[in-house]
Amino acid sequence: MTDLRYPIGEFEWHGEADIARRAELIAAIEQLPAQLRDAVSGLSDAQIDTPYRLGGWTVRQVVHHVADSHINAYTRFRFTVTEPEPALKGYNEALWAEIADARSGPVDVSLTLLDALHRRWVLMLRSLTSEQFARTFHHSQLGQVSLDRNLALYAWHGAHHVAHITSLCQRMGWGA
């Protein structure tokens, strides 16, 4: 049985990417907003307020989490491109998911935010050189992280959370 926490498996880092691999990862980031929107399309409020697993976040919280997380990721990229080895702080994702806007706010707000954020992020990512992707930041929870690793992590992160929603829908018999 698949671990419902990791429906596509846990993140695996395979080392620095070449130009072709980076293009694939950037394309995954570019496609994420549409994939997330498709995953929640047609769901009722009751379905959106269903946890994707026992003890897990609701679909609504997952959507808002992706927006929160990807805003932080975009900012980390910008700091790392413009500053030498910046020290960047993590955040308590679980507590952010409990704030009222994440527990009860309309998912369309975060979906719209992700549309614009990812358009801007992809513009930046496509402009970066291999040398820039090799730059690193120091994360308060993860330690030293290269932009190459962060790119792979966030391509996985989007797919990971879309799979939380789509696997729930499959298990519940919702949708097509």
N, C-alpha and C. Protein backbone atom coordinates (compact mmCIF):
# COMPACT_ATOMS: atom_id res chain seq x y z
N MET A 1 0.84 -1.19 0.00
CA MET A 1 0.00 0.00 0.00
C MET A 1 0.88 1.25 0.00
N THR A 2 0.49 2.23 -0.77
CA THR A 2 1.22 3.48 -0.86
C THR A 2 1.07 4.26 0.44
N ASP A 3 2.15 4.88 0.87
CA ASP A 3 2.12 5.75 2.04
C ASP A 3 1.38 7.02 1.63
N LEU A 4 0.22 7.27 2.22
CA LEU A 4 -0.60 8.41 1.84
C LEU A 4 0.10 9.75 2.07
N ARG A 5 1.10 9.76 2.93
CA ARG A 5 1.86 11.00 3.13
C ARG A 5 2.72 11.32 1.91
N TYR A 6 3.16 10.28 1.20
CA TYR A 6 4.08 10.44 0.07
C TYR A 6 3.58 9.66 -1.14
N PRO A 7 2.48 10.11 -1.75
CA PRO A 7 1.89 9.32 -2.84
C PRO A 7 2.79 9.19 -4.06
N ILE A 8 3.78 10.08 -4.23
CA ILE A 8 4.72 9.93 -5.35
C ILE A 8 6.12 9.56 -4.84
N GLY A 9 6.20 9.22 -3.56
CA GLY A 9 7.48 8.91 -2.94
C GLY A 9 8.09 10.16 -2.31
N GLU A 10 9.06 9.93 -1.44
CA GLU A 10 9.74 11.05 -0.79
C GLU A 10 10.70 11.71 -1.77
N PHE A 11 11.02 12.97 -1.50
CA PHE A 11 11.95 13.71 -2.35
C PHE A 11 13.31 13.03 -2.35
N GLU A 12 13.87 12.89 -3.53
CA GLU A 12 15.22 12.34 -3.69
C GLU A 12 16.05 13.33 -4.48
N TRP A 13 17.22 13.65 -3.97
CA TRP A 13 18.13 14.58 -4.62
C TRP A 13 19.20 13.76 -5.33
N HIS A 14 19.33 14.00 -6.63
CA HIS A 14 20.27 13.24 -7.45
C HIS A 14 21.48 14.07 -7.86
N GLY A 15 21.66 15.21 -7.26
CA GLY A 15 22.81 16.05 -7.58
C GLY A 15 22.50 17.10 -8.64
N GLU A 16 23.50 17.89 -8.91
CA GLU A 16 23.36 19.01 -9.84
C GLU A 16 22.74 18.56 -11.16
N ALA A 17 21.83 19.38 -11.67
CA ALA A 17 21.14 19.06 -12.90
C ALA A 17 21.88 19.63 -14.10
N ASP A 18 21.70 18.99 -15.26
CA ASP A 18 22.22 19.58 -16.49
C ASP A 18 21.13 20.48 -17.07
N ILE A 19 21.43 21.13 -18.17
CA ILE A 19 20.51 22.11 -18.76
C ILE A 19 19.17 21.45 -19.12
N ALA A 20 19.20 20.25 -19.68
CA ALA A 20 17.96 19.56 -20.07
C ALA A 20 17.12 19.22 -18.83
N ARG A 21 17.76 18.74 -17.80
CA ARG A 21 17.02 18.39 -16.57
C ARG A 21 16.43 19.64 -15.94
N ARG A 22 17.18 20.74 -15.91
CA ARG A 22 16.64 21.99 -15.36
C ARG A 22 15.41 22.42 -16.15
N ALA A 23 15.46 22.29 -17.45
CA ALA A 23 14.30 22.67 -18.28
C ALA A 23 13.08 21.84 -17.90
N GLU A 24 13.26 20.55 -17.63
CA GLU A 24 12.15 19.69 -17.20
C GLU A 24 11.60 20.16 -15.85
N LEU A 25 12.49 20.47 -14.93
CA LEU A 25 12.06 20.90 -13.59
C LEU A 25 11.34 22.24 -13.65
N ILE A 26 11.85 23.15 -14.48
CA ILE A 26 11.19 24.45 -14.64
C ILE A 26 9.81 24.26 -15.27
N ALA A 27 9.71 23.37 -16.24
CA ALA A 27 8.40 23.09 -16.86
C ALA A 27 7.42 22.54 -15.83
N ALA A 28 7.91 21.70 -14.92
CA ALA A 28 7.03 21.18 -13.86
C ALA A 28 6.53 22.33 -12.97
N ILE A 29 7.40 23.25 -12.65
CA ILE A 29 6.98 24.41 -11.84
C ILE A 29 5.99 25.27 -12.62
N GLU A 30 6.23 25.42 -13.91
CA GLU A 30 5.32 26.20 -14.75
C GLU A 30 3.93 25.58 -14.81
N GLN A 31 3.85 24.27 -14.85
CA GLN A 31 2.58 23.57 -15.01
C GLN A 31 1.80 23.39 -13.72
N LEU A 32 2.47 23.57 -12.59
CA LEU A 32 1.83 23.29 -11.29
C LEU A 32 0.52 24.04 -11.06
N PRO A 33 0.45 25.36 -11.29
CA PRO A 33 -0.83 26.03 -11.00
C PRO A 33 -2.03 25.41 -11.74
N ALA A 34 -1.86 25.08 -13.01
CA ALA A 34 -2.95 24.47 -13.77
C ALA A 34 -3.28 23.08 -13.24
N GLN A 35 -2.26 22.32 -12.88
CA GLN A 35 -2.49 20.98 -12.33
C GLN A 35 -3.24 21.03 -11.00
N LEU A 36 -2.86 21.98 -10.17
CA LEU A 36 -3.53 22.12 -8.87
C LEU A 36 -4.98 22.57 -9.07
N ARG A 37 -5.18 23.52 -9.98
CA ARG A 37 -6.54 23.98 -10.28
C ARG A 37 -7.38 22.82 -10.81
N ASP A 38 -6.83 22.02 -11.70
CA ASP A 38 -7.55 20.86 -12.24
C ASP A 38 -7.88 19.86 -11.13
N ALA A 39 -6.96 19.68 -10.18
CA ALA A 39 -7.16 18.71 -9.10
C ALA A 39 -8.35 19.06 -8.23
N VAL A 40 -8.62 20.35 -8.04
CA VAL A 40 -9.72 20.77 -7.16
C VAL A 40 -10.98 21.15 -7.94
N SER A 41 -10.88 21.19 -9.26
CA SER A 41 -12.01 21.59 -10.09
C SER A 41 -13.21 20.68 -9.84
N GLY A 42 -14.35 21.31 -9.61
CA GLY A 42 -15.58 20.56 -9.42
C GLY A 42 -15.80 20.01 -8.03
N LEU A 43 -14.85 20.18 -7.13
CA LEU A 43 -15.05 19.68 -5.77
C LEU A 43 -15.97 20.62 -4.99
N SER A 44 -16.82 20.05 -4.19
CA SER A 44 -17.71 20.84 -3.33
C SER A 44 -16.92 21.37 -2.13
N ASP A 45 -17.51 22.30 -1.40
CA ASP A 45 -16.85 22.79 -0.18
C ASP A 45 -16.62 21.64 0.81
N ALA A 46 -17.57 20.73 0.91
CA ALA A 46 -17.40 19.60 1.83
C ALA A 46 -16.21 18.73 1.40
N GLN A 47 -16.07 18.52 0.12
CA GLN A 47 -14.93 17.75 -0.37
C GLN A 47 -13.61 18.50 -0.15
N ILE A 48 -13.62 19.80 -0.38
CA ILE A 48 -12.42 20.62 -0.18
C ILE A 48 -12.03 20.65 1.30
N ASP A 49 -12.99 20.45 2.17
CA ASP A 49 -12.70 20.43 3.60
C ASP A 49 -12.46 19.01 4.15
N THR A 50 -12.20 18.07 3.25
CA THR A 50 -11.87 16.70 3.62
C THR A 50 -10.36 16.55 3.72
N PRO A 51 -9.88 15.96 4.79
CA PRO A 51 -8.43 15.69 4.88
C PRO A 51 -8.01 14.66 3.83
N TYR A 52 -6.83 14.85 3.26
CA TYR A 52 -6.35 13.92 2.23
C TYR A 52 -5.96 12.57 2.84
N ARG A 53 -5.75 12.54 4.16
CA ARG A 53 -5.49 11.30 4.89
C ARG A 53 -5.87 11.55 6.34
N LEU A 54 -6.03 10.50 7.12
CA LEU A 54 -6.32 10.61 8.54
C LEU A 54 -5.19 11.39 9.21
N GLY A 55 -5.55 12.46 9.90
CA GLY A 55 -4.56 13.29 10.57
C GLY A 55 -3.86 14.27 9.65
N GLY A 56 -4.24 14.31 8.39
CA GLY A 56 -3.60 15.21 7.42
C GLY A 56 -4.39 16.48 7.23
N TRP A 57 -3.85 17.36 6.44
CA TRP A 57 -4.52 18.61 6.12
C TRP A 57 -5.71 18.36 5.21
N THR A 58 -6.64 19.30 5.23
CA THR A 58 -7.74 19.26 4.27
C THR A 58 -7.20 19.68 2.90
N VAL A 59 -7.98 19.40 1.87
CA VAL A 59 -7.62 19.84 0.52
C VAL A 59 -7.42 21.36 0.53
N ARG A 60 -8.28 22.08 1.21
CA ARG A 60 -8.17 23.54 1.30
C ARG A 60 -6.82 23.94 1.90
N GLN A 61 -6.45 23.31 2.99
CA GLN A 61 -5.17 23.63 3.63
C GLN A 61 -4.00 23.27 2.73
N VAL A 62 -4.11 22.19 1.97
CA VAL A 62 -3.05 21.80 1.04
C VAL A 62 -2.87 22.90 -0.02
N VAL A 63 -3.95 23.36 -0.60
CA VAL A 63 -3.86 24.40 -1.63
C VAL A 63 -3.21 25.66 -1.06
N HIS A 64 -3.67 26.09 0.11
CA HIS A 64 -3.09 27.30 0.71
C HIS A 64 -1.63 27.07 1.11
N HIS A 65 -1.30 25.85 1.56
CA HIS A 65 0.08 25.53 1.90
C HIS A 65 0.99 25.65 0.67
N VAL A 66 0.54 25.16 -0.46
CA VAL A 66 1.36 25.25 -1.67
C VAL A 66 1.66 26.72 -1.98
N ALA A 67 0.66 27.57 -1.87
CA ALA A 67 0.91 29.00 -2.11
C ALA A 67 1.91 29.56 -1.10
N ASP A 68 1.71 29.26 0.18
CA ASP A 68 2.65 29.75 1.21
C ASP A 68 4.06 29.26 0.93
N SER A 69 4.19 27.99 0.68
CA SER A 69 5.50 27.39 0.47
C SER A 69 6.20 27.94 -0.76
N HIS A 70 5.46 28.10 -1.84
CA HIS A 70 6.08 28.54 -3.09
C HIS A 70 6.42 30.03 -3.05
N ILE A 71 5.68 30.81 -2.28
CA ILE A 71 6.10 32.21 -2.06
C ILE A 71 7.46 32.22 -1.36
N ASN A 72 7.60 31.39 -0.35
CA ASN A 72 8.88 31.30 0.36
C ASN A 72 9.99 30.82 -0.57
N ALA A 73 9.72 29.84 -1.40
CA ALA A 73 10.73 29.31 -2.32
C ALA A 73 11.17 30.37 -3.32
N TYR A 74 10.21 31.08 -3.88
CA TYR A 74 10.52 32.15 -4.85
C TYR A 74 11.44 33.19 -4.20
N THR A 75 11.11 33.57 -2.98
CA THR A 75 11.91 34.55 -2.25
C THR A 75 13.31 34.01 -1.98
N ARG A 76 13.42 32.74 -1.64
CA ARG A 76 14.74 32.14 -1.40
C ARG A 76 15.60 32.19 -2.66
N PHE A 77 14.99 31.91 -3.80
CA PHE A 77 15.74 32.01 -5.05
C PHE A 77 16.26 33.43 -5.25
N ARG A 78 15.41 34.41 -5.03
CA ARG A 78 15.82 35.81 -5.27
C ARG A 78 16.93 36.23 -4.31
N PHE A 79 16.81 35.86 -3.04
CA PHE A 79 17.87 36.18 -2.09
C PHE A 79 19.19 35.54 -2.53
N THR A 80 19.12 34.29 -2.95
CA THR A 80 20.34 33.55 -3.26
C THR A 80 21.01 34.07 -4.52
N VAL A 81 20.24 34.54 -5.47
CA VAL A 81 20.81 35.10 -6.69
C VAL A 81 21.46 36.47 -6.41
N THR A 82 20.96 37.16 -5.42
CA THR A 82 21.42 38.54 -5.19
C THR A 82 22.34 38.73 -4.00
N GLU A 83 22.50 37.71 -3.18
CA GLU A 83 23.34 37.83 -1.99
C GLU A 83 24.25 36.60 -1.88
N PRO A 84 25.45 36.78 -1.35
CA PRO A 84 26.32 35.62 -1.18
C PRO A 84 25.88 34.76 0.02
N GLU A 85 25.53 33.51 -0.26
CA GLU A 85 25.14 32.53 0.76
C GLU A 85 24.27 33.10 1.87
N PRO A 86 23.08 33.61 1.51
CA PRO A 86 22.22 34.20 2.54
C PRO A 86 21.74 33.15 3.56
N ALA A 87 21.51 33.61 4.77
CA ALA A 87 20.92 32.78 5.82
C ALA A 87 19.41 33.00 5.76
N LEU A 88 18.67 31.93 5.46
CA LEU A 88 17.22 32.04 5.27
C LEU A 88 16.50 31.16 6.27
N LYS A 89 15.45 31.71 6.82
CA LYS A 89 14.70 31.08 7.89
C LYS A 89 13.59 30.18 7.34
N GLY A 90 13.43 29.04 7.96
CA GLY A 90 12.28 28.19 7.67
C GLY A 90 11.06 28.74 8.40
N TYR A 91 9.94 28.06 8.29
CA TYR A 91 8.73 28.48 8.99
C TYR A 91 7.97 27.23 9.43
N ASN A 92 7.08 27.40 10.37
CA ASN A 92 6.32 26.28 10.90
C ASN A 92 5.08 26.07 10.02
N GLU A 93 5.22 25.19 9.04
CA GLU A 93 4.15 24.94 8.07
C GLU A 93 2.86 24.50 8.75
N ALA A 94 2.97 23.67 9.77
CA ALA A 94 1.78 23.17 10.46
C ALA A 94 1.00 24.31 11.10
N LEU A 95 1.70 25.25 11.71
CA LEU A 95 1.01 26.39 12.32
C LEU A 95 0.43 27.33 11.27
N TRP A 96 1.16 27.53 10.17
CA TRP A 96 0.63 28.37 9.09
C TRP A 96 -0.68 27.77 8.57
N ALA A 97 -0.77 26.44 8.49
CA ALA A 97 -1.96 25.77 7.97
C ALA A 97 -3.15 25.90 8.91
N GLU A 98 -2.90 26.30 10.16
CA GLU A 98 -3.98 26.46 11.14
C GLU A 98 -4.52 27.88 11.21
N ILE A 99 -3.86 28.83 10.54
CA ILE A 99 -4.35 30.21 10.52
C ILE A 99 -5.67 30.23 9.75
N ALA A 100 -6.58 31.10 10.14
CA ALA A 100 -7.95 31.09 9.60
C ALA A 100 -8.01 31.14 8.08
N ASP A 101 -7.17 31.93 7.44
CA ASP A 101 -7.24 32.01 5.98
C ASP A 101 -6.92 30.67 5.33
N ALA A 102 -6.04 29.89 5.94
CA ALA A 102 -5.69 28.58 5.40
C ALA A 102 -6.74 27.52 5.73
N ARG A 103 -7.42 27.68 6.84
CA ARG A 103 -8.45 26.71 7.26
C ARG A 103 -9.79 26.93 6.56
N SER A 104 -10.07 28.20 6.22
CA SER A 104 -11.41 28.46 5.69
C SER A 104 -11.46 29.39 4.48
N GLY A 105 -10.34 29.93 4.05
CA GLY A 105 -10.35 30.84 2.91
C GLY A 105 -10.63 30.12 1.60
N PRO A 106 -11.21 30.84 0.64
CA PRO A 106 -11.50 30.22 -0.66
C PRO A 106 -10.21 29.78 -1.36
N VAL A 107 -10.21 28.57 -1.91
CA VAL A 107 -9.01 28.07 -2.57
C VAL A 107 -8.66 28.89 -3.80
N ASP A 108 -9.65 29.52 -4.41
CA ASP A 108 -9.37 30.29 -5.63
C ASP A 108 -8.40 31.44 -5.38
N VAL A 109 -8.38 31.95 -4.16
CA VAL A 109 -7.44 33.03 -3.83
C VAL A 109 -6.00 32.52 -4.00
N SER A 110 -5.70 31.37 -3.45
CA SER A 110 -4.35 30.82 -3.57
C SER A 110 -4.07 30.31 -4.98
N LEU A 111 -5.07 29.80 -5.67
CA LEU A 111 -4.86 29.37 -7.05
C LEU A 111 -4.51 30.55 -7.94
N THR A 112 -5.19 31.67 -7.75
CA THR A 112 -4.90 32.88 -8.52
C THR A 112 -3.51 33.41 -8.18
N LEU A 113 -3.17 33.40 -6.90
CA LEU A 113 -1.84 33.82 -6.47
C LEU A 113 -0.77 32.95 -7.13
N LEU A 114 -0.98 31.63 -7.14
CA LEU A 114 -0.01 30.71 -7.75
C LEU A 114 0.14 30.95 -9.25
N ASP A 115 -0.94 31.29 -9.93
CA ASP A 115 -0.84 31.58 -11.36
C ASP A 115 0.18 32.69 -11.60
N ALA A 116 0.03 33.80 -10.89
CA ALA A 116 0.93 34.94 -11.08
C ALA A 116 2.33 34.64 -10.55
N LEU A 117 2.40 34.05 -9.37
CA LEU A 117 3.69 33.75 -8.77
C LEU A 117 4.52 32.84 -9.67
N HIS A 118 3.91 31.79 -10.18
CA HIS A 118 4.66 30.84 -11.01
C HIS A 118 5.04 31.44 -12.35
N ARG A 119 4.23 32.32 -12.92
CA ARG A 119 4.64 33.00 -14.16
C ARG A 119 5.90 33.80 -13.91
N ARG A 120 5.91 34.55 -12.81
CA ARG A 120 7.08 35.36 -12.47
C ARG A 120 8.29 34.49 -12.13
N TRP A 121 8.08 33.45 -11.35
CA TRP A 121 9.16 32.55 -10.93
C TRP A 121 9.81 31.88 -12.15
N VAL A 122 8.98 31.42 -13.08
CA VAL A 122 9.50 30.76 -14.28
C VAL A 122 10.31 31.74 -15.12
N LEU A 123 9.86 32.98 -15.22
CA LEU A 123 10.66 33.98 -15.94
C LEU A 123 12.06 34.10 -15.33
N MET A 124 12.11 34.15 -14.02
CA MET A 124 13.40 34.25 -13.34
C MET A 124 14.20 32.97 -13.56
N LEU A 125 13.60 31.81 -13.34
CA LEU A 125 14.32 30.55 -13.45
C LEU A 125 14.94 30.37 -14.84
N ARG A 126 14.21 30.74 -15.86
CA ARG A 126 14.72 30.58 -17.23
C ARG A 126 15.86 31.53 -17.53
N SER A 127 16.02 32.55 -16.72
CA SER A 127 17.10 33.52 -16.95
C SER A 127 18.39 33.14 -16.22
N LEU A 128 18.34 32.17 -15.31
CA LEU A 128 19.50 31.85 -14.49
C LEU A 128 20.53 31.01 -15.26
N THR A 129 21.78 31.24 -14.92
CA THR A 129 22.88 30.49 -15.51
C THR A 129 23.19 29.26 -14.64
N SER A 130 23.98 28.37 -15.17
CA SER A 130 24.42 27.20 -14.39
C SER A 130 25.16 27.64 -13.14
N GLU A 131 25.95 28.70 -13.26
CA GLU A 131 26.68 29.21 -12.10
C GLU A 131 25.71 29.71 -11.02
N GLN A 132 24.63 30.34 -11.45
CA GLN A 132 23.64 30.82 -10.47
C GLN A 132 22.91 29.64 -9.81
N PHE A 133 22.60 28.60 -10.57
CA PHE A 133 21.95 27.43 -9.98
C PHE A 133 22.86 26.72 -8.98
N ALA A 134 24.16 26.92 -9.10
CA ALA A 134 25.11 26.32 -8.16
C ALA A 134 25.22 27.12 -6.87
N ARG A 135 24.71 28.34 -6.86
CA ARG A 135 24.78 29.17 -5.64
C ARG A 135 23.99 28.51 -4.52
N THR A 136 24.36 28.82 -3.28
CA THR A 136 23.72 28.19 -2.13
C THR A 136 23.21 29.22 -1.14
N PHE A 137 22.26 28.76 -0.34
CA PHE A 137 21.80 29.52 0.82
C PHE A 137 21.88 28.61 2.02
N HIS A 138 21.89 29.20 3.20
CA HIS A 138 21.87 28.40 4.42
C HIS A 138 20.46 28.46 5.00
N HIS A 139 19.80 27.32 5.01
CA HIS A 139 18.43 27.22 5.52
C HIS A 139 18.49 26.82 7.00
N SER A 140 17.66 27.47 7.81
CA SER A 140 17.69 27.24 9.25
C SER A 140 17.35 25.80 9.64
N GLN A 141 16.66 25.06 8.78
CA GLN A 141 16.29 23.69 9.09
C GLN A 141 17.00 22.66 8.22
N LEU A 142 17.38 23.04 7.01
CA LEU A 142 17.95 22.09 6.05
C LEU A 142 19.46 22.22 5.87
N GLY A 143 20.04 23.29 6.38
CA GLY A 143 21.46 23.52 6.18
C GLY A 143 21.73 24.17 4.83
N GLN A 144 22.89 23.85 4.25
CA GLN A 144 23.31 24.45 2.97
C GLN A 144 22.52 23.82 1.83
N VAL A 145 21.89 24.67 1.00
CA VAL A 145 21.04 24.20 -0.10
C VAL A 145 21.42 24.96 -1.36
N SER A 146 21.67 24.24 -2.45
CA SER A 146 21.93 24.90 -3.73
C SER A 146 20.59 25.22 -4.42
N LEU A 147 20.64 26.17 -5.34
CA LEU A 147 19.43 26.46 -6.10
C LEU A 147 19.06 25.28 -6.98
N ASP A 148 20.04 24.52 -7.45
CA ASP A 148 19.72 23.31 -8.21
C ASP A 148 18.88 22.35 -7.36
N ARG A 149 19.29 22.14 -6.13
CA ARG A 149 18.54 21.24 -5.24
C ARG A 149 17.17 21.82 -4.94
N ASN A 150 17.11 23.14 -4.72
CA ASN A 150 15.83 23.77 -4.41
C ASN A 150 14.87 23.69 -5.59
N LEU A 151 15.40 23.81 -6.80
CA LEU A 151 14.58 23.67 -8.00
C LEU A 151 13.96 22.27 -8.04
N ALA A 152 14.78 21.26 -7.83
CA ALA A 152 14.27 19.88 -7.84
C ALA A 152 13.26 19.66 -6.72
N LEU A 153 13.55 20.21 -5.55
CA LEU A 153 12.65 20.06 -4.41
C LEU A 153 11.27 20.64 -4.71
N TYR A 154 11.22 21.83 -5.30
CA TYR A 154 9.92 22.46 -5.51
C TYR A 154 9.18 21.90 -6.72
N ALA A 155 9.88 21.35 -7.69
CA ALA A 155 9.19 20.62 -8.76
C ALA A 155 8.51 19.40 -8.14
N TRP A 156 9.25 18.69 -7.26
CA TRP A 156 8.67 17.54 -6.55
C TRP A 156 7.53 18.00 -5.64
N HIS A 157 7.73 19.09 -4.91
CA HIS A 157 6.76 19.56 -3.92
C HIS A 157 5.38 19.79 -4.54
N GLY A 158 5.35 20.45 -5.69
CA GLY A 158 4.08 20.68 -6.35
C GLY A 158 3.40 19.38 -6.74
N ALA A 159 4.14 18.48 -7.36
CA ALA A 159 3.58 17.18 -7.77
C ALA A 159 3.12 16.37 -6.55
N HIS A 160 3.88 16.45 -5.48
CA HIS A 160 3.57 15.77 -4.22
C HIS A 160 2.19 16.19 -3.69
N HIS A 161 1.94 17.49 -3.67
CA HIS A 161 0.67 17.96 -3.12
C HIS A 161 -0.50 17.78 -4.10
N VAL A 162 -0.25 17.90 -5.40
CA VAL A 162 -1.31 17.58 -6.36
C VAL A 162 -1.71 16.12 -6.17
N ALA A 163 -0.74 15.25 -5.97
CA ALA A 163 -1.03 13.82 -5.77
C ALA A 163 -1.80 13.57 -4.47
N HIS A 164 -1.57 14.40 -3.44
CA HIS A 164 -2.39 14.25 -2.23
C HIS A 164 -3.87 14.40 -2.60
N ILE A 165 -4.16 15.40 -3.41
CA ILE A 165 -5.55 15.70 -3.76
C ILE A 165 -6.10 14.67 -4.75
N THR A 166 -5.35 14.38 -5.80
CA THR A 166 -5.86 13.44 -6.81
C THR A 166 -6.00 12.03 -6.26
N SER A 167 -5.09 11.63 -5.37
CA SER A 167 -5.23 10.28 -4.79
C SER A 167 -6.44 10.21 -3.86
N LEU A 168 -6.71 11.29 -3.12
CA LEU A 168 -7.92 11.34 -2.30
C LEU A 168 -9.16 11.21 -3.19
N CYS A 169 -9.18 11.97 -4.27
CA CYS A 169 -10.33 11.93 -5.18
C CYS A 169 -10.52 10.52 -5.75
N GLN A 170 -9.44 9.87 -6.09
CA GLN A 170 -9.53 8.49 -6.61
C GLN A 170 -10.07 7.54 -5.55
N ARG A 171 -9.53 7.65 -4.34
CA ARG A 171 -9.98 6.76 -3.26
C ARG A 171 -11.46 6.97 -2.93
N MET A 172 -11.92 8.22 -3.02
CA MET A 172 -13.30 8.55 -2.66
C MET A 172 -14.25 8.40 -3.85
N GLY A 173 -13.73 8.20 -5.03
CA GLY A 173 -14.57 8.07 -6.22
C GLY A 173 -15.13 9.41 -6.68
N TRP A 174 -14.42 10.50 -6.41
CA TRP A 174 -14.86 11.84 -6.82
C TRP A 174 -14.32 12.15 -8.21
N GLY A 175 -15.11 12.81 -8.99
CA GLY A 175 -14.65 13.26 -10.31
C GLY A 175 -14.71 12.17 -11.34
N ALA A 176 -13.95 12.41 -12.40
CA ALA A 176 -13.98 11.50 -13.56
C ALA A 176 -13.41 10.13 -13.26
